[in-house]
Amino acid sequence: MKIKMKNSLGFLILVLVLGEFLSSCKHRKEITSTEPKPPIAKEDSAIGRCRLDYKNAKTLSRLMQENEFDYTWIFAKATVESFVEEKEESFDIRLSLRKDSAMLVNIQYVLGINVAKVLITKDSVKFVDYIHKTYFIGDFAYINDLLSADIDFDLLQSVLFGNSAKFYDDDSRLKPITDRQNCNYMLSTERKKRLKRIINNAEEPSSDLQILTLNPDGFKIIRNEFEQSSTGRKFIANYSAFAVKDSVYAPYHVDIDILAQKAARLKINYVRIEKNSPQKLSLNIPAKYDAIQIQKK
């Protein structure tokens, strides 16, 4: 049986949602979603302005990497709201992840009804839809070919917990910016003056743009933004509600916005994050389930 998959359950743990961002705008169209604003750090109340010393790109990159969320294993529970093509869904997820290896996501409706499971490894994607009794087995190469995308495991695991997902390979492109107006450090692929013109819509980026915004207190990433110059598509992840729970310091709220022909938003609220407890990462496909045939757009 061949079934056309269109945005299965609106989530597929960022594989098809991120794929929608990376592929939905083959022809540039106006972005209709409202772009979220970056978080603003507190000012020095004693003098009414921000106090930040200059740090070069190498130093900021080192501090960012030293303060990233470090783990070998993760088990997390979260509530998720997704908004895709004006369709809103709410569900719970249980995420088991071994760093740089595999992740298993169990998706449930709020009442505890099993909706789907997704097993993602470095080179494969397996998906079971319990509602429609279907499944999909493929790999990133196949999905990237279908969606004209560039998705990989490192991107997914980084985005979920606020680590430095990179959309390019050349670290030397990063330029340091001291944003005293918002009291944050930034690493950008554009220099400050030109970046300001781009942000103010006075100039279009001539190449792909990435901006990493760092909190000056702990050099955690609080915003990761990418704009593709050829299409105008944007991916924006904001991280907040940093807290220590069960000896884990992490962002417990993640907002992901995809601004393109079809706007999408994910709001992830973690209620529990545990690290370094080995998890079982396996997915059984019932014998009577039908294979999903994903058709090219």
Foldseek 3Di string as FASTA:
>chain_A
DADADDCVVVCLLCLVVVLCLFFVQPDADDWDDDDDDFAFDDDDVVVPWHDDDDDWLVVLVVLQVVLAFDFQKKWFKKWKWKAWLNDIAIWIWIWIDGPQFKIKIFIGHPVRHTAKIWIATQFKIKIAGPVQQEIEIDTPVVSCVQSVGDDGPVQSVCLVFQHDRDPDDDSVLWTWDQDGVRRWIKTKSDDDVVVVCVVVVVDADPAKMWMFIAHPVRRGTQKIKIAGRVHRKIKMKGFDPFDQDPNGTTGQWIWIWITGPIIMIMIIGIPDMDGDDDDDRDDDRDPPGHYYDHDHD
